[in-house]
Amino acid sequence: MLNGAVLAHVALVVRDYDEAIAWYCERLGFTLVADDHQPEQGKRWVLVAPPGGGGTSLLLARAATQEQEALVGRQAGGRVFLFLHTDDFRRDFETLKARGVRFVRPPAEQPYGIVAVFEDLYGNLWDLVEPSLPPR
């Protein structure tokens, strides 16, 4: 067992670093945490995170092969892949809509909270959730 371990990053395969950075930072309001060129590997170390996200971030990983390119936007096989918690669903839902984020399922009351599903620039599905109970 890994005592004290924390989930630090989740890798998300993207088509292009700059378009992904722009979308996550401008549309979702994420912060660019790191953008370090790694010329010896022909890639960049790009991290974005929601403000106040508690340290977990997305590692934007540019597709380097045709196989990876085919998975852009389909990493979870069409299922909701990522979950963004909010302390004010209505505020953030309206803000994201105004920024052009496309919601594919409208807000719904569920036993665990209020939720709506949106897609990112590649079609990955996300839940925007205001939990009814504090996170564990």
Protein backbone atom coordinates (compact mmCIF):
# COMPACT_ATOMS: atom_id res chain seq x y z
CA MET A 1 0.00 0.00 0.00
CA LEU A 2 1.21 3.48 -0.85
CA ASN A 3 0.70 5.51 2.30
CA GLY A 4 0.56 9.20 1.55
CA ALA A 5 0.48 8.73 -2.23
CA VAL A 6 -1.42 11.33 -4.23
CA LEU A 7 -2.62 11.34 -7.82
CA ALA A 8 -0.49 14.10 -9.32
CA HIS A 9 -1.22 14.15 -13.07
CA VAL A 10 -3.58 12.56 -15.57
CA ALA A 11 -2.17 12.31 -19.10
CA LEU A 12 -4.49 13.48 -21.86
CA VAL A 13 -3.45 12.81 -25.44
CA VAL A 14 -3.92 15.95 -27.56
CA ARG A 15 -3.41 16.83 -31.20
CA ASP A 16 -1.49 20.06 -30.57
CA TYR A 17 0.00 21.58 -27.43
CA ASP A 18 -0.88 25.19 -28.15
CA GLU A 19 -4.51 24.60 -29.18
CA ALA A 20 -5.02 22.43 -26.07
CA ILE A 21 -3.42 25.01 -23.77
CA ALA A 22 -5.60 27.74 -25.26
CA TRP A 23 -8.80 25.72 -24.88
CA TYR A 24 -8.20 24.57 -21.31
CA CYS A 25 -6.99 27.97 -20.13
CA GLU A 26 -9.44 30.20 -22.03
CA ARG A 27 -12.58 28.04 -22.00
CA LEU A 28 -12.26 26.19 -18.69
CA GLY A 29 -10.23 28.86 -16.89
CA PHE A 30 -7.43 26.44 -16.02
CA THR A 31 -3.99 27.73 -15.13
CA LEU A 32 -0.89 26.85 -17.16
CA VAL A 33 1.32 25.25 -14.50
CA ALA A 34 4.25 24.21 -16.70
CA ASP A 35 5.31 24.39 -20.33
CA ASP A 36 8.85 23.09 -20.58
CA HIS A 37 10.43 22.11 -23.88
CA GLN A 38 12.28 18.81 -23.87
CA PRO A 39 14.20 19.00 -27.16
CA GLU A 40 16.11 15.76 -26.57
CA GLN A 41 12.76 13.92 -26.55
CA GLY A 42 11.03 16.11 -29.15
CA LYS A 43 8.19 17.03 -26.81
CA ARG A 44 7.00 19.45 -24.15
CA TRP A 45 6.04 18.90 -20.51
CA VAL A 46 2.72 20.77 -20.35
CA LEU A 47 0.59 20.83 -17.21
CA VAL A 48 -2.73 22.65 -16.78
CA ALA A 49 -4.89 22.66 -13.66
CA PRO A 50 -8.06 24.26 -12.36
CA PRO A 51 -7.39 27.10 -9.93
CA GLY A 52 -7.44 25.70 -6.41
CA GLY A 53 -7.42 22.17 -7.81
CA GLY A 54 -5.49 20.72 -4.91
CA GLY A 55 -2.42 19.77 -6.91
CA THR A 56 -3.87 17.36 -9.48
CA SER A 57 -3.24 18.50 -13.05
CA LEU A 58 -3.65 17.39 -16.64
CA LEU A 59 -0.51 16.49 -18.52
CA LEU A 60 -1.19 17.47 -22.12
CA ALA A 61 0.67 14.86 -24.16
CA ARG A 62 0.88 15.49 -27.91
CA ALA A 63 0.12 12.40 -29.97
CA ALA A 64 3.41 11.14 -31.39
CA THR A 65 2.20 8.18 -33.49
CA GLN A 66 -0.74 7.39 -35.76
CA GLU A 67 -2.05 5.02 -33.11
CA GLN A 68 -2.00 7.81 -30.50
CA GLU A 69 -3.52 10.29 -32.95
CA ALA A 70 -6.44 7.89 -33.48
CA LEU A 71 -7.14 7.98 -29.73
CA VAL A 72 -7.32 11.76 -29.39
CA GLY A 73 -10.78 12.47 -27.99
CA ARG A 74 -11.52 8.78 -27.52
CA GLN A 75 -9.33 7.79 -24.59
CA ALA A 76 -12.32 6.57 -22.59
CA GLY A 77 -14.21 4.94 -25.45
CA GLY A 78 -17.02 7.52 -25.41
CA ARG A 79 -17.62 7.44 -21.65
CA VAL A 80 -17.29 10.37 -19.30
CA PHE A 81 -13.57 10.49 -18.63
CA LEU A 82 -12.88 13.41 -16.31
CA PHE A 83 -14.81 15.00 -13.46
CA LEU A 84 -14.65 18.66 -12.54
CA HIS A 85 -16.08 19.49 -9.11
CA THR A 86 -17.47 22.93 -8.35
CA ASP A 87 -18.80 24.64 -5.25
CA ASP A 88 -21.35 26.59 -7.33
CA PHE A 89 -22.81 24.64 -10.23
CA ARG A 90 -25.03 27.37 -11.69
CA ARG A 91 -22.24 29.97 -11.69
CA ASP A 92 -19.74 27.67 -13.39
CA PHE A 93 -22.28 26.13 -15.79
CA GLU A 94 -23.28 29.60 -17.03
CA THR A 95 -19.65 30.77 -17.22
CA LEU A 96 -18.59 27.74 -19.26
CA LYS A 97 -21.57 28.08 -21.61
CA ALA A 98 -20.73 31.77 -22.13
CA ARG A 99 -17.14 30.77 -23.00
CA GLY A 100 -18.40 28.42 -25.71
CA VAL A 101 -18.10 25.09 -23.89
CA ARG A 102 -20.55 22.62 -25.47
CA PHE A 103 -22.74 20.73 -23.02
CA VAL A 104 -24.02 17.43 -24.41
CA ARG A 105 -26.26 16.56 -21.44
CA PRO A 106 -28.21 19.20 -19.53
CA PRO A 107 -28.01 19.73 -15.78
CA ALA A 108 -29.65 16.99 -13.75
CA GLU A 109 -30.15 16.36 -10.05
CA GLN A 110 -28.58 13.05 -9.06
CA PRO A 111 -28.24 11.41 -5.63
CA TYR A 112 -24.58 12.53 -5.55
CA GLY A 113 -25.23 16.12 -6.66
CA ILE A 114 -26.04 18.31 -9.65
CA VAL A 115 -24.28 17.30 -12.88
CA ALA A 116 -24.05 18.19 -16.58
CA VAL A 117 -21.84 16.62 -19.24
CA PHE A 118 -19.66 18.69 -21.55
CA GLU A 119 -17.07 17.87 -24.15
CA ASP A 120 -13.61 19.30 -24.54
CA LEU A 121 -12.12 20.48 -27.82
CA TYR A 122 -11.41 16.89 -28.91
CA GLY A 123 -14.70 15.34 -27.80
CA ASN A 124 -13.60 13.84 -24.47
CA LEU A 125 -16.56 13.86 -22.09
CA TRP A 126 -16.41 15.58 -18.71
CA ASP A 127 -18.86 15.84 -15.82
CA LEU A 128 -19.29 19.23 -14.19
CA VAL A 129 -20.46 18.26 -10.70
CA GLU A 130 -21.52 20.08 -7.58
CA PRO A 131 -21.42 17.24 -5.06
CA SER A 132 -24.25 17.02 -2.55
CA LEU A 133 -21.78 15.66 0.00
CA PRO A 134 -18.28 16.91 0.76
CA PRO A 135 -15.57 15.02 -1.17
CA ARG A 136 -13.81 12.24 0.73
